[in-house]
Amino acid sequence: MSCASAFDATLTIEIPFPSSEIAEIVFRTLSVDREPPRGNVRKELALSGNTLTAVLIARDPKNLRTAANKFLDYVKLTVDTINRFG
């Protein structure tokens, strides 16, 4: 993966789900929330079977940590909603 030199911190998160259907719901839900182009973080999502992969690229570790926490909060919220309402 190539990154612009202004972006120095990168984190890759792979999340396996019990099924590809749940993974796709989470992927589609999180894909709607695009990062603004002027932001300090870029988010790239990919789906392979039942595994969601997120690559977060930030200008510094503080922005990366904030983005990772926000991303995982959204994943948890989506999974909790799926579990609650099917």
PDB file of N, CA and C in Angstrom:
ATOM      1  N   MET A   1       0.850  -1.174   0.000  1.00  0.00           N
ATOM      2  CA  MET A   1       0.000   0.000   0.000  1.00  0.00           C
ATOM      3  C   MET A   1       0.893   1.233   0.000  1.00  0.00           C
ATOM      4  N   SER A   2       0.610   2.166  -0.856  1.00  0.00           N
ATOM      5  CA  SER A   2       1.377   3.403  -0.871  1.00  0.00           C
ATOM      6  C   SER A   2       0.576   4.495  -0.184  1.00  0.00           C
ATOM      7  N   CYS A   3       1.278   5.316   0.575  1.00  0.00           N
ATOM      8  CA  CYS A   3       0.634   6.399   1.315  1.00  0.00           C
ATOM      9  C   CYS A   3       1.314   7.700   0.958  1.00  0.00           C
ATOM     10  N   ALA A   4       0.557   8.771   0.997  1.00  0.00           N
ATOM     11  CA  ALA A   4       1.146  10.085   0.821  1.00  0.00           C
ATOM     12  C   ALA A   4       2.094  10.336   1.981  1.00  0.00           C
ATOM     13  N   SER A   5       3.163  11.064   1.760  1.00  0.00           N
ATOM     14  CA  SER A   5       4.165  11.281   2.801  1.00  0.00           C
ATOM     15  C   SER A   5       3.601  12.024   3.999  1.00  0.00           C
ATOM     16  N   ALA A   6       2.509  12.762   3.824  1.00  0.00           N
ATOM     17  CA  ALA A   6       1.905  13.484   4.945  1.00  0.00           C
ATOM     18  C   ALA A   6       1.209  12.531   5.912  1.00  0.00           C
ATOM     19  N   PHE A   7       0.958  11.307   5.494  1.00  0.00           N
ATOM     20  CA  PHE A   7       0.292  10.328   6.338  1.00  0.00           C
ATOM     21  C   PHE A   7       1.325   9.321   6.825  1.00  0.00           C
ATOM     22  N   ASP A   8       1.577   9.307   8.125  1.00  0.00           N
ATOM     23  CA  ASP A   8       2.664   8.504   8.674  1.00  0.00           C
ATOM     24  C   ASP A   8       2.219   7.305   9.493  1.00  0.00           C
ATOM     25  N   ALA A   9       1.003   7.289   9.980  1.00  0.00           N
ATOM     26  CA  ALA A   9       0.553   6.216  10.866  1.00  0.00           C
ATOM     27  C   ALA A   9      -0.508   5.381  10.162  1.00  0.00           C
ATOM     28  N   THR A  10      -0.315   4.057  10.177  1.00  0.00           N
ATOM     29  CA  THR A  10      -1.242   3.153   9.497  1.00  0.00           C
ATOM     30  C   THR A  10      -1.623   2.008  10.427  1.00  0.00           C
ATOM     31  N   LEU A  11      -2.888   1.623  10.381  1.00  0.00           N
ATOM     32  CA  LEU A  11      -3.385   0.495  11.161  1.00  0.00           C
ATOM     33  C   LEU A  11      -4.293  -0.340  10.272  1.00  0.00           C
ATOM     34  N   THR A  12      -4.062  -1.644  10.252  1.00  0.00           N
ATOM     35  CA  THR A  12      -4.924  -2.564   9.526  1.00  0.00           C
ATOM     36  C   THR A  12      -5.661  -3.424  10.549  1.00  0.00           C
ATOM     37  N   ILE A  13      -6.981  -3.452  10.417  1.00  0.00           N
ATOM     38  CA  ILE A  13      -7.833  -4.225  11.321  1.00  0.00           C
ATOM     39  C   ILE A  13      -8.593  -5.242  10.487  1.00  0.00           C
ATOM     40  N   GLU A  14      -8.496  -6.518  10.851  1.00  0.00           N
ATOM     41  CA  GLU A  14      -9.268  -7.570  10.201  1.00  0.00           C
ATOM     42  C   GLU A  14     -10.254  -8.126  11.214  1.00  0.00           C
ATOM     43  N   ILE A  15     -11.539  -8.114  10.852  1.00  0.00           N
ATOM     44  CA  ILE A  15     -12.586  -8.575  11.755  1.00  0.00           C
ATOM     45  C   ILE A  15     -13.353  -9.710  11.080  1.00  0.00           C
ATOM     46  N   PRO A  16     -13.222 -10.940  11.608  1.00  0.00           N
ATOM     47  CA  PRO A  16     -14.027 -12.047  11.074  1.00  0.00           C
ATOM     48  C   PRO A  16     -15.423 -12.040  11.705  1.00  0.00           C
ATOM     49  N   PHE A  17     -16.424 -12.308  10.903  1.00  0.00           N
ATOM     50  CA  PHE A  17     -17.803 -12.375  11.372  1.00  0.00           C
ATOM     51  C   PHE A  17     -18.305 -13.805  11.224  1.00  0.00           C
ATOM     52  N   PRO A  18     -19.379 -14.158  11.932  1.00  0.00           N
ATOM     53  CA  PRO A  18     -19.898 -15.533  11.857  1.00  0.00           C
ATOM     54  C   PRO A  18     -20.374 -15.934  10.459  1.00  0.00           C
ATOM     55  N   SER A  19     -20.755 -14.951   9.645  1.00  0.00           N
ATOM     56  CA  SER A  19     -21.227 -15.265   8.289  1.00  0.00           C
ATOM     57  C   SER A  19     -20.864 -14.129   7.343  1.00  0.00           C
ATOM     58  N   SER A  20     -20.870 -14.447   6.060  1.00  0.00           N
ATOM     59  CA  SER A  20     -20.591 -13.421   5.055  1.00  0.00           C
ATOM     60  C   SER A  20     -21.731 -12.409   4.976  1.00  0.00           C
ATOM     61  N   GLU A  21     -22.953 -12.832   5.313  1.00  0.00           N
ATOM     62  CA  GLU A  21     -24.098 -11.911   5.288  1.00  0.00           C
ATOM     63  C   GLU A  21     -23.936 -10.814   6.341  1.00  0.00           C
ATOM     64  N   ILE A  22     -23.544 -11.199   7.549  1.00  0.00           N
ATOM     65  CA  ILE A  22     -23.324 -10.201   8.604  1.00  0.00           C
ATOM     66  C   ILE A  22     -22.159  -9.297   8.226  1.00  0.00           C
ATOM     67  N   ALA A  23     -21.100  -9.877   7.697  1.00  0.00           N
ATOM     68  CA  ALA A  23     -19.941  -9.078   7.277  1.00  0.00           C
ATOM     69  C   ALA A  23     -20.345  -8.055   6.213  1.00  0.00           C
ATOM     70  N   GLU A  24     -21.206  -8.464   5.286  1.00  0.00           N
ATOM     71  CA  GLU A  24     -21.648  -7.541   4.237  1.00  0.00           C
ATOM     72  C   GLU A  24     -22.510  -6.412   4.793  1.00  0.00           C
ATOM     73  N   ILE A  25     -23.364  -6.723   5.750  1.00  0.00           N
ATOM     74  CA  ILE A  25     -24.182  -5.672   6.374  1.00  0.00           C
ATOM     75  C   ILE A  25     -23.290  -4.647   7.059  1.00  0.00           C
ATOM     76  N   VAL A  26     -22.308  -5.123   7.815  1.00  0.00           N
ATOM     77  CA  VAL A  26     -21.390  -4.206   8.502  1.00  0.00           C
ATOM     78  C   VAL A  26     -20.593  -3.398   7.476  1.00  0.00           C
ATOM     79  N   PHE A  27     -20.098  -4.061   6.443  1.00  0.00           N
ATOM     80  CA  PHE A  27     -19.334  -3.382   5.397  1.00  0.00           C
ATOM     81  C   PHE A  27     -20.146  -2.272   4.740  1.00  0.00           C
ATOM     82  N   ARG A  28     -21.377  -2.593   4.352  1.00  0.00           N
ATOM     83  CA  ARG A  28     -22.225  -1.585   3.693  1.00  0.00           C
ATOM     84  C   ARG A  28     -22.569  -0.435   4.624  1.00  0.00           C
ATOM     85  N   THR A  29     -22.813  -0.750   5.885  1.00  0.00           N
ATOM     86  CA  THR A  29     -23.135   0.294   6.861  1.00  0.00           C
ATOM     87  C   THR A  29     -21.965   1.244   7.051  1.00  0.00           C
ATOM     88  N   LEU A  30     -20.764   0.695   7.175  1.00  0.00           N
ATOM     89  CA  LEU A  30     -19.586   1.536   7.425  1.00  0.00           C
ATOM     90  C   LEU A  30     -19.078   2.219   6.160  1.00  0.00           C
ATOM     91  N   SER A  31     -19.392   1.675   5.002  1.00  0.00           N
ATOM     92  CA  SER A  31     -18.954   2.296   3.744  1.00  0.00           C
ATOM     93  C   SER A  31     -19.670   3.609   3.473  1.00  0.00           C
ATOM     94  N   VAL A  32     -20.850   3.769   4.032  1.00  0.00           N
ATOM     95  CA  VAL A  32     -21.620   5.008   3.837  1.00  0.00           C
ATOM     96  C   VAL A  32     -20.907   6.189   4.491  1.00  0.00           C
ATOM     97  N   ASP A  33     -20.205   5.933   5.588  1.00  0.00           N
ATOM     98  CA  ASP A  33     -19.548   6.991   6.372  1.00  0.00           C
ATOM     99  C   ASP A  33     -18.157   7.277   5.820  1.00  0.00           C
ATOM    100  N   ARG A  34     -18.083   8.034   4.745  1.00  0.00           N
ATOM    101  CA  ARG A  34     -16.802   8.393   4.141  1.00  0.00           C
ATOM    102  C   ARG A  34     -16.126   9.503   4.943  1.00  0.00           C
ATOM    103  N   GLU A  35     -14.792   9.418   5.006  1.00  0.00           N
ATOM    104  CA  GLU A  35     -14.036  10.462   5.682  1.00  0.00           C
ATOM    105  C   GLU A  35     -13.967  11.693   4.780  1.00  0.00           C
ATOM    106  N   PRO A  36     -14.054  12.891   5.345  1.00  0.00           N
ATOM    107  CA  PRO A  36     -13.950  14.096   4.520  1.00  0.00           C
ATOM    108  C   PRO A  36     -12.547  14.206   3.912  1.00  0.00           C
ATOM    109  N   PRO A  37     -12.451  14.708   2.690  1.00  0.00           N
ATOM    110  CA  PRO A  37     -11.145  14.779   2.021  1.00  0.00           C
ATOM    111  C   PRO A  37     -10.135  15.657   2.762  1.00  0.00           C
ATOM    112  N   ARG A  38     -10.603  16.611   3.513  1.00  0.00           N
ATOM    113  CA  ARG A  38      -9.680  17.493   4.233  1.00  0.00           C
ATOM    114  C   ARG A  38      -9.255  16.903   5.576  1.00  0.00           C
ATOM    115  N   GLY A  39      -9.807  15.748   5.922  1.00  0.00           N
ATOM    116  CA  GLY A  39      -9.568  15.132   7.228  1.00  0.00           C
ATOM    117  C   GLY A  39      -8.142  14.655   7.399  1.00  0.00           C
ATOM    118  N   ASN A  40      -7.825  14.320   8.625  1.00  0.00           N
ATOM    119  CA  ASN A  40      -6.497  13.837   8.965  1.00  0.00           C
ATOM    120  C   ASN A  40      -6.383  12.325   8.867  1.00  0.00           C
ATOM    121  N   VAL A  41      -7.481  11.662   8.493  1.00  0.00           N
ATOM    122  CA  VAL A  41      -7.493  10.202   8.426  1.00  0.00           C
ATOM    123  C   VAL A  41      -8.172   9.753   7.140  1.00  0.00           C
ATOM    124  N   ARG A  42      -7.601   8.714   6.536  1.00  0.00           N
ATOM    125  CA  ARG A  42      -8.242   8.051   5.395  1.00  0.00           C
ATOM    126  C   ARG A  42      -8.636   6.654   5.841  1.00  0.00           C
ATOM    127  N   LYS A  43      -9.769   6.179   5.360  1.00  0.00           N
ATOM    128  CA  LYS A  43     -10.258   4.844   5.708  1.00  0.00           C
ATOM    129  C   LYS A  43     -10.510   4.085   4.420  1.00  0.00           C
ATOM    130  N   GLU A  44      -9.948   2.883   4.342  1.00  0.00           N
ATOM    131  CA  GLU A  44     -10.164   2.007   3.203  1.00  0.00           C
ATOM    132  C   GLU A  44     -10.752   0.703   3.722  1.00  0.00           C
ATOM    133  N   LEU A  45     -11.906   0.325   3.198  1.00  0.00           N
ATOM    134  CA  LEU A  45     -12.572  -0.904   3.628  1.00  0.00           C
ATOM    135  C   LEU A  45     -12.573  -1.927   2.507  1.00  0.00           C
ATOM    136  N   ALA A  46     -12.435  -3.193   2.881  1.00  0.00           N
ATOM    137  CA  ALA A  46     -12.515  -4.289   1.924  1.00  0.00           C
ATOM    138  C   ALA A  46     -13.248  -5.446   2.585  1.00  0.00           C
ATOM    139  N   LEU A  47     -13.938  -6.221   1.771  1.00  0.00           N
ATOM    140  CA  LEU A  47     -14.695  -7.364   2.267  1.00  0.00           C
ATOM    141  C   LEU A  47     -14.265  -8.592   1.493  1.00  0.00           C
ATOM    142  N   SER A  48     -13.922  -9.656   2.226  1.00  0.00           N
ATOM    143  CA  SER A  48     -13.548 -10.924   1.607  1.00  0.00           C
ATOM    144  C   SER A  48     -14.227 -12.041   2.386  1.00  0.00           C
ATOM    145  N   GLY A  49     -15.287 -12.569   1.815  1.00  0.00           N
ATOM    146  CA  GLY A  49     -16.039 -13.606   2.511  1.00  0.00           C
ATOM    147  C   GLY A  49     -16.664 -13.061   3.778  1.00  0.00           C
ATOM    148  N   ASN A  50     -16.280 -13.643   4.908  1.00  0.00           N
ATOM    149  CA  ASN A  50     -16.841 -13.182   6.177  1.00  0.00           C
ATOM    150  C   ASN A  50     -15.879 -12.270   6.940  1.00  0.00           C
ATOM    151  N   THR A  51     -14.837 -11.773   6.277  1.00  0.00           N
ATOM    152  CA  THR A  51     -13.842 -10.930   6.934  1.00  0.00           C
ATOM    153  C   THR A  51     -13.866  -9.509   6.388  1.00  0.00           C
ATOM    154  N   LEU A  52     -14.031  -8.573   7.300  1.00  0.00           N
ATOM    155  CA  LEU A  52     -13.970  -7.151   6.972  1.00  0.00           C
ATOM    156  C   LEU A  52     -12.568  -6.654   7.300  1.00  0.00           C
ATOM    157  N   THR A  53     -11.940  -6.000   6.342  1.00  0.00           N
ATOM    158  CA  THR A  53     -10.620  -5.417   6.562  1.00  0.00           C
ATOM    159  C   THR A  53     -10.722  -3.911   6.439  1.00  0.00           C
ATOM    160  N   ALA A  54     -10.199  -3.227   7.443  1.00  0.00           N
ATOM    161  CA  ALA A  54     -10.163  -1.767   7.439  1.00  0.00           C
ATOM    162  C   ALA A  54      -8.711  -1.326   7.553  1.00  0.00           C
ATOM    163  N   VAL A  55      -8.320  -0.411   6.682  1.00  0.00           N
ATOM    164  CA  VAL A  55      -7.006   0.200   6.767  1.00  0.00           C
ATOM    165  C   VAL A  55      -7.230   1.672   7.091  1.00  0.00           C
ATOM    166  N   LEU A  56      -6.712   2.087   8.219  1.00  0.00           N
ATOM    167  CA  LEU A  56      -6.808   3.482   8.643  1.00  0.00           C
ATOM    168  C   LEU A  56      -5.438   4.111   8.492  1.00  0.00           C
ATOM    169  N   ILE A  57      -5.400   5.252   7.814  1.00  0.00           N
ATOM    170  CA  ILE A  57      -4.145   5.940   7.537  1.00  0.00           C
ATOM    171  C   ILE A  57      -4.287   7.361   8.056  1.00  0.00           C
ATOM    172  N   ALA A  58      -3.403   7.732   8.976  1.00  0.00           N
ATOM    173  CA  ALA A  58      -3.542   9.025   9.635  1.00  0.00           C
ATOM    174  C   ALA A  58      -2.233   9.818   9.575  1.00  0.00           C
ATOM    175  N   ARG A  59      -2.367  11.104   9.858  1.00  0.00           N
ATOM    176  CA  ARG A  59      -1.194  11.982   9.871  1.00  0.00           C
ATOM    177  C   ARG A  59      -0.297  11.736  11.076  1.00  0.00           C
ATOM    178  N   ASP A  60      -0.900  11.284  12.183  1.00  0.00           N
ATOM    179  CA  ASP A  60      -0.109  11.043  13.390  1.00  0.00           C
ATOM    180  C   ASP A  60      -0.803   9.989  14.248  1.00  0.00           C
ATOM    181  N   PRO A  61      -0.100   9.426  15.215  1.00  0.00           N
ATOM    182  CA  PRO A  61      -0.676   8.367  16.042  1.00  0.00           C
ATOM    183  C   PRO A  61      -1.920   8.788  16.818  1.00  0.00           C
ATOM    184  N   LYS A  62      -1.997  10.024  17.261  1.00  0.00           N
ATOM    185  CA  LYS A  62      -3.169  10.485  18.010  1.00  0.00           C
ATOM    186  C   LYS A  62      -4.419  10.423  17.133  1.00  0.00           C
ATOM    187  N   ASN A  63      -4.336  10.924  15.914  1.00  0.00           N
ATOM    188  CA  ASN A  63      -5.475  10.862  14.990  1.00  0.00           C
ATOM    189  C   ASN A  63      -5.815   9.416  14.641  1.00  0.00           C
ATOM    190  N   LEU A  64      -4.788   8.573  14.529  1.00  0.00           N
ATOM    191  CA  LEU A  64      -5.010   7.162  14.222  1.00  0.00           C
ATOM    192  C   LEU A  64      -5.764   6.483  15.368  1.00  0.00           C
ATOM    193  N   ARG A  65      -5.360   6.740  16.586  1.00  0.00           N
ATOM    194  CA  ARG A  65      -6.030   6.152  17.752  1.00  0.00           C
ATOM    195  C   ARG A  65      -7.500   6.591  17.818  1.00  0.00           C
ATOM    196  N   THR A  66      -7.732   7.874  17.607  1.00  0.00           N
ATOM    197  CA  THR A  66      -9.104   8.397  17.628  1.00  0.00           C
ATOM    198  C   THR A  66      -9.948   7.745  16.532  1.00  0.00           C
ATOM    199  N   ALA A  67      -9.397   7.642  15.341  1.00  0.00           N
ATOM    200  CA  ALA A  67     -10.127   7.032  14.222  1.00  0.00           C
ATOM    201  C   ALA A  67     -10.391   5.552  14.468  1.00  0.00           C
ATOM    202  N   ALA A  68      -9.420   4.843  15.036  1.00  0.00           N
ATOM    203  CA  ALA A  68      -9.596   3.420  15.319  1.00  0.00           C
ATOM    204  C   ALA A  68     -10.692   3.212  16.359  1.00  0.00           C
ATOM    205  N   ASN A  69     -10.679   4.025  17.407  1.00  0.00           N
ATOM    206  CA  ASN A  69     -11.719   3.910  18.436  1.00  0.00           C
ATOM    207  C   ASN A  69     -13.103   4.187  17.857  1.00  0.00           C
ATOM    208  N   LYS A  70     -13.197   5.228  17.039  1.00  0.00           N
ATOM    209  CA  LYS A  70     -14.477   5.577  16.406  1.00  0.00           C
ATOM    210  C   LYS A  70     -14.947   4.452  15.486  1.00  0.00           C
ATOM    211  N   PHE A  71     -14.032   3.917  14.691  1.00  0.00           N
ATOM    212  CA  PHE A  71     -14.371   2.837  13.774  1.00  0.00           C
ATOM    213  C   PHE A  71     -14.879   1.614  14.536  1.00  0.00           C
ATOM    214  N   LEU A  72     -14.169   1.210  15.586  1.00  0.00           N
ATOM    215  CA  LEU A  72     -14.578   0.034  16.355  1.00  0.00           C
ATOM    216  C   LEU A  72     -15.891   0.275  17.092  1.00  0.00           C
ATOM    217  N   ASP A  73     -16.126   1.506  17.535  1.00  0.00           N
ATOM    218  CA  ASP A  73     -17.428   1.841  18.131  1.00  0.00           C
ATOM    219  C   ASP A  73     -18.552   1.638  17.113  1.00  0.00           C
ATOM    220  N   TYR A  74     -18.336   2.062  15.875  1.00  0.00           N
ATOM    221  CA  TYR A  74     -19.347   1.886  14.827  1.00  0.00           C
ATOM    222  C   TYR A  74     -19.570   0.409  14.509  1.00  0.00           C
ATOM    223  N   VAL A  75     -18.488  -0.366  14.488  1.00  0.00           N
ATOM    224  CA  VAL A  75     -18.626  -1.808  14.249  1.00  0.00           C
ATOM    225  C   VAL A  75     -19.472  -2.426  15.360  1.00  0.00           C
ATOM    226  N   LYS A  76     -19.164  -2.104  16.599  1.00  0.00           N
ATOM    227  CA  LYS A  76     -19.907  -2.640  17.744  1.00  0.00           C
ATOM    228  C   LYS A  76     -21.381  -2.237  17.682  1.00  0.00           C
ATOM    229  N   LEU A  77     -21.641  -0.975  17.381  1.00  0.00           N
ATOM    230  CA  LEU A  77     -23.021  -0.504  17.281  1.00  0.00           C
ATOM    231  C   LEU A  77     -23.785  -1.272  16.196  1.00  0.00           C
ATOM    232  N   THR A  78     -23.145  -1.474  15.062  1.00  0.00           N
ATOM    233  CA  THR A  78     -23.783  -2.198  13.957  1.00  0.00           C
ATOM    234  C   THR A  78     -24.071  -3.642  14.345  1.00  0.00           C
ATOM    235  N   VAL A  79     -23.095  -4.307  14.962  1.00  0.00           N
ATOM    236  CA  VAL A  79     -23.280  -5.702  15.382  1.00  0.00           C
ATOM    237  C   VAL A  79     -24.357  -5.796  16.459  1.00  0.00           C
ATOM    238  N   ASP A  80     -24.346  -4.880  17.415  1.00  0.00           N
ATOM    239  CA  ASP A  80     -25.387  -4.874  18.451  1.00  0.00           C
ATOM    240  C   ASP A  80     -26.779  -4.704  17.837  1.00  0.00           C
ATOM    241  N   THR A  81     -26.885  -3.842  16.825  1.00  0.00           N
ATOM    242  CA  THR A  81     -28.166  -3.627  16.149  1.00  0.00           C
ATOM    243  C   THR A  81     -28.617  -4.886  15.406  1.00  0.00           C
ATOM    244  N   ILE A  82     -27.676  -5.545  14.735  1.00  0.00           N
ATOM    245  CA  ILE A  82     -28.003  -6.801  14.044  1.00  0.00           C
ATOM    246  C   ILE A  82     -28.477  -7.843  15.045  1.00  0.00           C
ATOM    247  N   ASN A  83     -27.779  -7.962  16.163  1.00  0.00           N
ATOM    248  CA  ASN A  83     -28.150  -8.948  17.175  1.00  0.00           C
ATOM    249  C   ASN A  83     -29.512  -8.641  17.797  1.00  0.00           C
ATOM    250  N   ARG A  84     -29.798  -7.379  17.941  1.00  0.00           N
ATOM    251  CA  ARG A  84     -31.063  -6.985  18.588  1.00  0.00           C
ATOM    252  C   ARG A  84     -32.276  -7.191  17.663  1.00  0.00           C
ATOM    253  N   PHE A  85     -32.091  -6.786  16.388  1.00  0.00           N
ATOM    254  CA  PHE A  85     -33.230  -6.791  15.471  1.00  0.00           C
ATOM    255  C   PHE A  85     -33.160  -7.875  14.392  1.00  0.00           C
ATOM    256  N   GLY A  86     -32.061  -8.617  14.380  1.00  0.00           N
ATOM    257  CA  GLY A  86     -31.948  -9.722  13.419  1.00  0.00           C
ATOM    258  C   GLY A  86     -31.569  -9.217  12.116  1.00  0.00           C
TER     259      GLY A  86
END
